[in-house]
Amino acid sequence: MRRPPLVFGAAVACVLAGARPAAAQAVERATLTTDARAITVPPDDPPLPPGEPPPARTGLQVAFRTGVMLPAGTAESGRPQSDAFAWQVPAVVEIGAKPIPELFVGATAGFAWGPVAGTLDAACRAEGLSCASNAYRVGLEAILYLLPSRRLDPWVGYGIGYESTTLAYAKGRTSTSESYSGIELAHLMAGMDVRISRSVGIGPLVDVALGMYTGHSQDRTATRAPAERDVDGTVHAWVTLGARLVLFP
């Protein structure tokens, strides 16, 4: 008469034993589902339809520009730029942001190098000197994009900053340098970005930098005796014809 309770208990134990794996599998599936939701990566931007330009965008933008710089105006009274400086090759980086698709604001920094020219070049040859020029610039700029949602996006820009341009002479172990430094009053720029993709644009540019040297310094390595003086502040210019590579146009 006691066998039925034993049979009933055995049946209950079998049901519970079978239920445990099912419950564990349900918990495991729920955990995997939750984990999958947690690590889901947003899909990439859809590919652009053939012939369609990238959409206008805001946010970070970085650009690199180079070309050929040509001097104009006077370094100081009685000394034309072209009588000392020849052409230079610049390397400039821009970094900033677009708060709206039509406007970029940011900072710039650049370096340029090239030969000397005019009577200075003749004097260097006569004295057997190795002569060259270089310059660096830092500043702030703003660029207005006229057609930010089109593939061909013309733009105009304005900037201000600081510049220092150096003439370097060397002969044997002796070297001498003289530098002009001052404020860039206006950096006038215009160009066009060809927006190849969402990430890259490239195009031509024209850049006219108007500045005024206010200081002159000279240093002789042999004596370690630098000399500084003020400059009368005539206006000079550097005209750049070049190209610009833009990231995130």
C-alpha atoms as a PDB file:
ATOM      1  CA  MET A   1       0.000   0.000   0.000  1.00  0.00           C
ATOM      2  CA  ARG A   2       2.997   2.379   0.359  1.00  0.00           C
ATOM      3  CA  ARG A   3       4.197   1.934  -3.247  1.00  0.00           C
ATOM      4  CA  PRO A   4       1.906   4.636  -4.749  1.00  0.00           C
ATOM      5  CA  PRO A   5       3.445   7.413  -2.632  1.00  0.00           C
ATOM      6  CA  LEU A   6       6.891   6.192  -3.669  1.00  0.00           C
ATOM      7  CA  VAL A   7       5.890   6.155  -7.330  1.00  0.00           C
ATOM      8  CA  PHE A   8       4.361   9.639  -6.988  1.00  0.00           C
ATOM      9  CA  GLY A   9       7.545  10.987  -5.365  1.00  0.00           C
ATOM     10  CA  ALA A  10       9.687   9.501  -8.100  1.00  0.00           C
ATOM     11  CA  ALA A  11       7.493  11.099 -10.756  1.00  0.00           C
ATOM     12  CA  VAL A  12       7.753  14.529  -9.106  1.00  0.00           C
ATOM     13  CA  ALA A  13      11.544  14.206  -8.878  1.00  0.00           C
ATOM     14  CA  CYS A  14      11.756  13.396 -12.600  1.00  0.00           C
ATOM     15  CA  VAL A  15       9.612  16.412 -13.521  1.00  0.00           C
ATOM     16  CA  LEU A  16      11.765  18.741 -11.383  1.00  0.00           C
ATOM     17  CA  ALA A  17      14.975  17.293 -12.837  1.00  0.00           C
ATOM     18  CA  GLY A  18      13.709  17.919 -16.359  1.00  0.00           C
ATOM     19  CA  ALA A  19      12.557  21.423 -15.500  1.00  0.00           C
ATOM     20  CA  ARG A  20      15.961  22.581 -14.234  1.00  0.00           C
ATOM     21  CA  PRO A  21      17.776  22.364 -17.622  1.00  0.00           C
ATOM     22  CA  ALA A  22      14.842  24.108 -19.315  1.00  0.00           C
ATOM     23  CA  ALA A  23      14.913  26.909 -16.753  1.00  0.00           C
ATOM     24  CA  ALA A  24      18.685  27.240 -17.055  1.00  0.00           C
ATOM     25  CA  GLN A  25      18.392  27.447 -20.840  1.00  0.00           C
ATOM     26  CA  ALA A  26      15.705  30.131 -20.516  1.00  0.00           C
ATOM     27  CA  VAL A  27      17.922  32.175 -18.181  1.00  0.00           C
ATOM     28  CA  GLU A  28      20.900  31.700 -20.516  1.00  0.00           C
ATOM     29  CA  ARG A  29      18.839  32.825 -23.528  1.00  0.00           C
ATOM     30  CA  ALA A  30      17.654  35.890 -21.620  1.00  0.00           C
ATOM     31  CA  THR A  31      21.241  36.737 -20.608  1.00  0.00           C
ATOM     32  CA  LEU A  32      22.512  36.360 -24.161  1.00  0.00           C
ATOM     33  CA  THR A  33      19.670  38.508 -25.447  1.00  0.00           C
ATOM     34  CA  THR A  34      20.464  41.202 -22.885  1.00  0.00           C
ATOM     35  CA  ASP A  35      24.196  41.042 -23.686  1.00  0.00           C
ATOM     36  CA  ALA A  36      23.493  41.250 -27.398  1.00  0.00           C
ATOM     37  CA  ARG A  37      21.401  44.361 -26.855  1.00  0.00           C
ATOM     38  CA  ALA A  38      24.175  45.859 -24.727  1.00  0.00           C
ATOM     39  CA  ILE A  39      26.889  45.360 -27.354  1.00  0.00           C
ATOM     40  CA  THR A  40      24.858  46.181 -30.450  1.00  0.00           C
ATOM     41  CA  VAL A  41      26.885  48.549 -32.687  1.00  0.00           C
ATOM     42  CA  PRO A  42      24.958  51.194 -34.615  1.00  0.00           C
ATOM     43  CA  PRO A  43      24.957  50.468 -38.337  1.00  0.00           C
ATOM     44  CA  ASP A  44      27.331  52.361 -40.630  1.00  0.00           C
ATOM     45  CA  ASP A  45      26.035  55.247 -42.690  1.00  0.00           C
ATOM     46  CA  PRO A  46      24.269  53.927 -45.761  1.00  0.00           C
ATOM     47  CA  PRO A  47      26.250  54.160 -49.007  1.00  0.00           C
ATOM     48  CA  LEU A  48      25.656  57.248 -51.074  1.00  0.00           C
ATOM     49  CA  PRO A  49      23.534  56.823 -54.187  1.00  0.00           C
ATOM     50  CA  PRO A  50      25.588  57.083 -57.389  1.00  0.00           C
ATOM     51  CA  GLY A  51      26.190  60.711 -58.284  1.00  0.00           C
ATOM     52  CA  GLU A  52      24.862  62.060 -54.987  1.00  0.00           C
ATOM     53  CA  PRO A  53      27.119  64.421 -52.954  1.00  0.00           C
ATOM     54  CA  PRO A  54      27.761  63.756 -49.261  1.00  0.00           C
ATOM     55  CA  PRO A  55      25.257  65.451 -46.941  1.00  0.00           C
ATOM     56  CA  ALA A  56      26.197  68.686 -45.209  1.00  0.00           C
ATOM     57  CA  ARG A  57      27.697  68.114 -41.778  1.00  0.00           C
ATOM     58  CA  THR A  58      28.815  69.771 -38.550  1.00  0.00           C
ATOM     59  CA  GLY A  59      31.496  68.904 -35.995  1.00  0.00           C
ATOM     60  CA  LEU A  60      35.250  68.342 -36.168  1.00  0.00           C
ATOM     61  CA  GLN A  61      37.139  69.375 -39.285  1.00  0.00           C
ATOM     62  CA  VAL A  62      40.860  69.143 -40.066  1.00  0.00           C
ATOM     63  CA  ALA A  63      42.618  70.456 -43.182  1.00  0.00           C
ATOM     64  CA  PHE A  64      46.115  70.547 -44.663  1.00  0.00           C
ATOM     65  CA  ARG A  65      47.247  73.011 -47.298  1.00  0.00           C
ATOM     66  CA  THR A  66      50.385  73.655 -49.315  1.00  0.00           C
ATOM     67  CA  GLY A  67      51.485  75.390 -52.489  1.00  0.00           C
ATOM     68  CA  VAL A  68      53.872  78.181 -53.447  1.00  0.00           C
ATOM     69  CA  MET A  69      54.157  81.477 -51.524  1.00  0.00           C
ATOM     70  CA  LEU A  70      55.345  84.597 -53.342  1.00  0.00           C
ATOM     71  CA  PRO A  71      56.534  87.742 -51.482  1.00  0.00           C
ATOM     72  CA  ALA A  72      55.250  91.263 -52.108  1.00  0.00           C
ATOM     73  CA  GLY A  73      55.509  94.654 -50.409  1.00  0.00           C
ATOM     74  CA  THR A  74      58.375  95.710 -48.156  1.00  0.00           C
ATOM     75  CA  ALA A  75      59.966  94.050 -45.149  1.00  0.00           C
ATOM     76  CA  GLU A  76      60.964  97.484 -43.856  1.00  0.00           C
ATOM     77  CA  SER A  77      61.543 100.907 -45.330  1.00  0.00           C
ATOM     78  CA  GLY A  78      64.028 100.601 -48.167  1.00  0.00           C
ATOM     79  CA  ARG A  79      64.026  96.796 -48.234  1.00  0.00           C
ATOM     80  CA  PRO A  80      61.510  95.153 -50.576  1.00  0.00           C
ATOM     81  CA  GLN A  81      60.462  91.638 -49.675  1.00  0.00           C
ATOM     82  CA  SER A  82      61.503  90.354 -53.105  1.00  0.00           C
ATOM     83  CA  ASP A  83      65.020  91.745 -52.586  1.00  0.00           C
ATOM     84  CA  ALA A  84      65.592  89.251 -49.770  1.00  0.00           C
ATOM     85  CA  PHE A  85      62.958  86.512 -49.831  1.00  0.00           C
ATOM     86  CA  ALA A  86      62.282  84.238 -52.779  1.00  0.00           C
ATOM     87  CA  TRP A  87      59.359  81.842 -53.110  1.00  0.00           C
ATOM     88  CA  GLN A  88      58.585  79.526 -50.185  1.00  0.00           C
ATOM     89  CA  VAL A  89      56.763  76.210 -49.866  1.00  0.00           C
ATOM     90  CA  PRO A  90      54.295  76.212 -46.936  1.00  0.00           C
ATOM     91  CA  ALA A  91      52.893  73.327 -44.898  1.00  0.00           C
ATOM     92  CA  VAL A  92      49.844  74.474 -42.934  1.00  0.00           C
ATOM     93  CA  VAL A  93      47.404  72.581 -40.709  1.00  0.00           C
ATOM     94  CA  GLU A  94      43.939  73.787 -39.704  1.00  0.00           C
ATOM     95  CA  ILE A  95      41.925  72.262 -36.878  1.00  0.00           C
ATOM     96  CA  GLY A  96      38.567  73.341 -35.536  1.00  0.00           C
ATOM     97  CA  ALA A  97      34.857  72.708 -35.810  1.00  0.00           C
ATOM     98  CA  LYS A  98      31.754  73.548 -37.827  1.00  0.00           C
ATOM     99  CA  PRO A  99      28.992  74.684 -35.449  1.00  0.00           C
ATOM    100  CA  ILE A 100      26.731  74.925 -38.497  1.00  0.00           C
ATOM    101  CA  PRO A 101      27.330  73.459 -41.978  1.00  0.00           C
ATOM    102  CA  GLU A 102      28.126  76.871 -43.432  1.00  0.00           C
ATOM    103  CA  LEU A 103      30.785  77.978 -40.908  1.00  0.00           C
ATOM    104  CA  PHE A 104      34.174  76.681 -39.765  1.00  0.00           C
ATOM    105  CA  VAL A 105      36.133  78.290 -36.902  1.00  0.00           C
ATOM    106  CA  GLY A 106      39.519  77.089 -35.760  1.00  0.00           C
ATOM    107  CA  ALA A 107      43.249  77.566 -35.323  1.00  0.00           C
ATOM    108  CA  THR A 108      46.104  77.306 -37.820  1.00  0.00           C
ATOM    109  CA  ALA A 109      49.825  76.658 -37.613  1.00  0.00           C
ATOM    110  CA  GLY A 110      52.307  76.485 -40.431  1.00  0.00           C
ATOM    111  CA  PHE A 111      55.922  76.400 -41.500  1.00  0.00           C
ATOM    112  CA  ALA A 112      57.491  77.429 -44.823  1.00  0.00           C
ATOM    113  CA  TRP A 113      60.942  77.302 -46.349  1.00  0.00           C
ATOM    114  CA  GLY A 114      62.693  78.505 -49.507  1.00  0.00           C
ATOM    115  CA  PRO A 115      65.737  80.259 -51.003  1.00  0.00           C
ATOM    116  CA  VAL A 116      66.761  83.922 -50.866  1.00  0.00           C
ATOM    117  CA  ALA A 117      66.560  86.353 -53.781  1.00  0.00           C
ATOM    118  CA  GLY A 118      67.662  89.684 -55.238  1.00  0.00           C
ATOM    119  CA  THR A 119      70.685  91.543 -53.913  1.00  0.00           C
ATOM    120  CA  LEU A 120      70.812  89.243 -50.886  1.00  0.00           C
ATOM    121  CA  ASP A 121      71.220  86.217 -53.115  1.00  0.00           C
ATOM    122  CA  ALA A 122      73.992  88.016 -55.048  1.00  0.00           C
ATOM    123  CA  ALA A 123      75.783  88.899 -51.795  1.00  0.00           C
ATOM    124  CA  CYS A 124      75.554  85.314 -50.544  1.00  0.00           C
ATOM    125  CA  ARG A 125      77.104  84.012 -53.751  1.00  0.00           C
ATOM    126  CA  ALA A 126      79.872  86.603 -53.635  1.00  0.00           C
ATOM    127  CA  GLU A 127      80.754  85.739 -50.031  1.00  0.00           C
ATOM    128  CA  GLY A 128      80.466  81.988 -50.525  1.00  0.00           C
ATOM    129  CA  LEU A 129      77.600  81.738 -48.015  1.00  0.00           C
ATOM    130  CA  SER A 130      74.870  79.122 -47.863  1.00  0.00           C
ATOM    131  CA  CYS A 131      71.659  81.145 -47.548  1.00  0.00           C
ATOM    132  CA  ALA A 132      68.011  80.176 -47.078  1.00  0.00           C
ATOM    133  CA  SER A 133      64.762  81.507 -45.649  1.00  0.00           C
ATOM    134  CA  ASN A 134      62.039  80.012 -43.497  1.00  0.00           C
ATOM    135  CA  ALA A 135      58.936  81.185 -41.696  1.00  0.00           C
ATOM    136  CA  TYR A 136      56.353  80.034 -39.191  1.00  0.00           C
ATOM    137  CA  ARG A 137      52.849  81.297 -38.530  1.00  0.00           C
ATOM    138  CA  VAL A 138      50.092  80.714 -35.986  1.00  0.00           C
ATOM    139  CA  GLY A 139      46.634  82.206 -35.945  1.00  0.00           C
ATOM    140  CA  LEU A 140      42.857  81.965 -35.863  1.00  0.00           C
ATOM    141  CA  GLU A 141      40.537  81.787 -38.837  1.00  0.00           C
ATOM    142  CA  ALA A 142      36.922  81.523 -39.937  1.00  0.00           C
ATOM    143  CA  ILE A 143      35.721  80.000 -43.214  1.00  0.00           C
ATOM    144  CA  LEU A 144      32.310  80.519 -44.777  1.00  0.00           C
ATOM    145  CA  TYR A 145      31.093  77.644 -46.969  1.00  0.00           C
ATOM    146  CA  LEU A 146      28.694  78.753 -49.681  1.00  0.00           C
ATOM    147  CA  LEU A 147      27.284  75.376 -50.780  1.00  0.00           C
ATOM    148  CA  PRO A 148      27.965  72.920 -47.922  1.00  0.00           C
ATOM    149  CA  SER A 149      25.571  70.264 -49.235  1.00  0.00           C
ATOM    150  CA  ARG A 150      26.943  70.219 -52.789  1.00  0.00           C
ATOM    151  CA  ARG A 151      29.849  68.252 -54.188  1.00  0.00           C
ATOM    152  CA  LEU A 152      31.554  71.478 -55.336  1.00  0.00           C
ATOM    153  CA  ASP A 153      31.620  73.742 -52.292  1.00  0.00           C
ATOM    154  CA  PRO A 154      33.192  77.204 -52.808  1.00  0.00           C
ATOM    155  CA  TRP A 155      34.374  79.043 -49.703  1.00  0.00           C
ATOM    156  CA  VAL A 156      35.930  82.298 -48.482  1.00  0.00           C
ATOM    157  CA  GLY A 157      37.922  82.811 -45.296  1.00  0.00           C
ATOM    158  CA  TYR A 158      39.514  85.397 -43.031  1.00  0.00           C
ATOM    159  CA  GLY A 159      42.184  85.045 -40.366  1.00  0.00           C
ATOM    160  CA  ILE A 160      44.606  86.915 -38.128  1.00  0.00           C
ATOM    161  CA  GLY A 161      47.787  85.767 -36.432  1.00  0.00           C
ATOM    162  CA  TYR A 162      51.492  86.101 -35.772  1.00  0.00           C
ATOM    163  CA  GLU A 163      54.388  85.452 -38.141  1.00  0.00           C
ATOM    164  CA  SER A 164      58.164  85.240 -37.982  1.00  0.00           C
ATOM    165  CA  THR A 165      60.296  85.055 -41.122  1.00  0.00           C
ATOM    166  CA  THR A 166      63.999  84.248 -40.933  1.00  0.00           C
ATOM    167  CA  LEU A 167      66.990  84.642 -43.221  1.00  0.00           C
ATOM    168  CA  ALA A 168      69.771  82.183 -42.381  1.00  0.00           C
ATOM    169  CA  TYR A 169      73.403  82.411 -43.529  1.00  0.00           C
ATOM    170  CA  ALA A 170      76.137  79.841 -42.933  1.00  0.00           C
ATOM    171  CA  LYS A 171      79.816  79.505 -43.829  1.00  0.00           C
ATOM    172  CA  GLY A 172      81.878  76.773 -42.282  1.00  0.00           C
ATOM    173  CA  ARG A 173      81.185  76.628 -38.556  1.00  0.00           C
ATOM    174  CA  THR A 174      79.870  80.182 -38.396  1.00  0.00           C
ATOM    175  CA  SER A 175      76.183  80.892 -38.907  1.00  0.00           C
ATOM    176  CA  THR A 176      74.117  84.040 -38.720  1.00  0.00           C
ATOM    177  CA  SER A 177      70.396  84.597 -38.860  1.00  0.00           C
ATOM    178  CA  GLU A 178      68.125  87.593 -38.897  1.00  0.00           C
ATOM    179  CA  SER A 179      64.389  87.465 -38.308  1.00  0.00           C
ATOM    180  CA  TYR A 180      61.448  89.742 -38.946  1.00  0.00           C
ATOM    181  CA  SER A 181      58.387  89.229 -36.764  1.00  0.00           C
ATOM    182  CA  GLY A 182      55.009  90.866 -36.404  1.00  0.00           C
ATOM    183  CA  ILE A 183      51.253  90.587 -36.712  1.00  0.00           C
ATOM    184  CA  GLU A 184      49.316  89.248 -39.669  1.00  0.00           C
ATOM    185  CA  LEU A 185      46.605  91.860 -40.029  1.00  0.00           C
ATOM    186  CA  ALA A 186      44.479  89.950 -42.500  1.00  0.00           C
ATOM    187  CA  HIS A 187      44.596  86.491 -43.964  1.00  0.00           C
ATOM    188  CA  LEU A 188      42.274  86.547 -46.997  1.00  0.00           C
ATOM    189  CA  MET A 189      41.452  83.157 -48.492  1.00  0.00           C
ATOM    190  CA  ALA A 190      39.206  81.703 -51.171  1.00  0.00           C
ATOM    191  CA  GLY A 191      38.910  78.259 -52.678  1.00  0.00           C
ATOM    192  CA  MET A 192      36.700  75.322 -53.521  1.00  0.00           C
ATOM    193  CA  ASP A 193      36.353  71.912 -51.883  1.00  0.00           C
ATOM    194  CA  VAL A 194      35.558  68.952 -54.102  1.00  0.00           C
ATOM    195  CA  ARG A 195      33.725  66.757 -51.581  1.00  0.00           C
ATOM    196  CA  ILE A 196      34.788  63.292 -52.717  1.00  0.00           C
ATOM    197  CA  SER A 197      33.179  61.454 -49.793  1.00  0.00           C
ATOM    198  CA  ARG A 198      31.868  61.992 -46.267  1.00  0.00           C
ATOM    199  CA  SER A 199      35.479  61.936 -45.040  1.00  0.00           C
ATOM    200  CA  VAL A 200      37.611  63.610 -47.702  1.00  0.00           C
ATOM    201  CA  GLY A 201      37.589  66.745 -49.813  1.00  0.00           C
ATOM    202  CA  ILE A 202      40.265  68.421 -51.919  1.00  0.00           C
ATOM    203  CA  GLY A 203      40.521  71.553 -53.987  1.00  0.00           C
ATOM    204  CA  PRO A 204      42.435  74.670 -55.056  1.00  0.00           C
ATOM    205  CA  LEU A 205      42.945  77.822 -52.994  1.00  0.00           C
ATOM    206  CA  VAL A 206      44.273  81.363 -53.175  1.00  0.00           C
ATOM    207  CA  ASP A 207      45.647  82.928 -49.990  1.00  0.00           C
ATOM    208  CA  VAL A 208      46.777  86.531 -49.482  1.00  0.00           C
ATOM    209  CA  ALA A 209      48.378  87.290 -46.104  1.00  0.00           C
ATOM    210  CA  LEU A 210      48.837  90.977 -45.248  1.00  0.00           C
ATOM    211  CA  GLY A 211      51.193  91.653 -42.376  1.00  0.00           C
ATOM    212  CA  MET A 212      53.359  94.219 -40.671  1.00  0.00           C
ATOM    213  CA  TYR A 213      56.767  93.447 -39.245  1.00  0.00           C
ATOM    214  CA  THR A 214      57.353  95.290 -35.988  1.00  0.00           C
ATOM    215  CA  GLY A 215      60.584  93.694 -34.806  1.00  0.00           C
ATOM    216  CA  HIS A 216      63.945  92.611 -36.183  1.00  0.00           C
ATOM    217  CA  SER A 217      66.502  90.418 -34.440  1.00  0.00           C
ATOM    218  CA  GLN A 218      69.934  89.156 -35.452  1.00  0.00           C
ATOM    219  CA  ASP A 219      71.962  86.378 -33.879  1.00  0.00           C
ATOM    220  CA  ARG A 220      75.585  85.374 -34.498  1.00  0.00           C
ATOM    221  CA  THR A 221      76.352  81.864 -33.293  1.00  0.00           C
ATOM    222  CA  ALA A 222      80.069  82.610 -32.979  1.00  0.00           C
ATOM    223  CA  THR A 223      79.616  85.420 -30.446  1.00  0.00           C
ATOM    224  CA  ARG A 224      76.219  84.499 -28.941  1.00  0.00           C
ATOM    225  CA  ALA A 225      75.388  88.194 -29.075  1.00  0.00           C
ATOM    226  CA  PRO A 226      71.854  88.756 -30.403  1.00  0.00           C
ATOM    227  CA  ALA A 227      70.792  92.216 -31.497  1.00  0.00           C
ATOM    228  CA  GLU A 228      67.213  93.434 -31.598  1.00  0.00           C
ATOM    229  CA  ARG A 229      65.578  96.573 -32.961  1.00  0.00           C
ATOM    230  CA  ASP A 230      62.164  97.868 -33.890  1.00  0.00           C
ATOM    231  CA  VAL A 231      60.965  98.043 -37.475  1.00  0.00           C
ATOM    232  CA  ASP A 232      59.029 100.992 -38.867  1.00  0.00           C
ATOM    233  CA  GLY A 233      56.029  98.823 -39.697  1.00  0.00           C
ATOM    234  CA  THR A 234      55.546  98.824 -43.465  1.00  0.00           C
ATOM    235  CA  VAL A 235      52.931  96.506 -44.965  1.00  0.00           C
ATOM    236  CA  HIS A 236      54.037  93.374 -46.777  1.00  0.00           C
ATOM    237  CA  ALA A 237      52.232  90.428 -48.301  1.00  0.00           C
ATOM    238  CA  TRP A 238      52.614  86.748 -49.079  1.00  0.00           C
ATOM    239  CA  VAL A 239      50.476  85.379 -51.916  1.00  0.00           C
ATOM    240  CA  THR A 240      49.888  81.616 -51.934  1.00  0.00           C
ATOM    241  CA  LEU A 241      48.607  79.519 -54.805  1.00  0.00           C
ATOM    242  CA  GLY A 242      48.013  75.958 -53.726  1.00  0.00           C
ATOM    243  CA  ALA A 243      45.756  73.087 -52.758  1.00  0.00           C
ATOM    244  CA  ARG A 244      43.862  72.053 -49.639  1.00  0.00           C
ATOM    245  CA  LEU A 245      43.039  68.566 -48.323  1.00  0.00           C
ATOM    246  CA  VAL A 246      40.046  68.481 -45.954  1.00  0.00           C
ATOM    247  CA  LEU A 247      39.030  65.731 -43.559  1.00  0.00           C
ATOM    248  CA  PHE A 248      35.289  65.650 -42.725  1.00  0.00           C
ATOM    249  CA  PRO A 249      34.297  68.407 -45.213  1.00  0.00           C
END
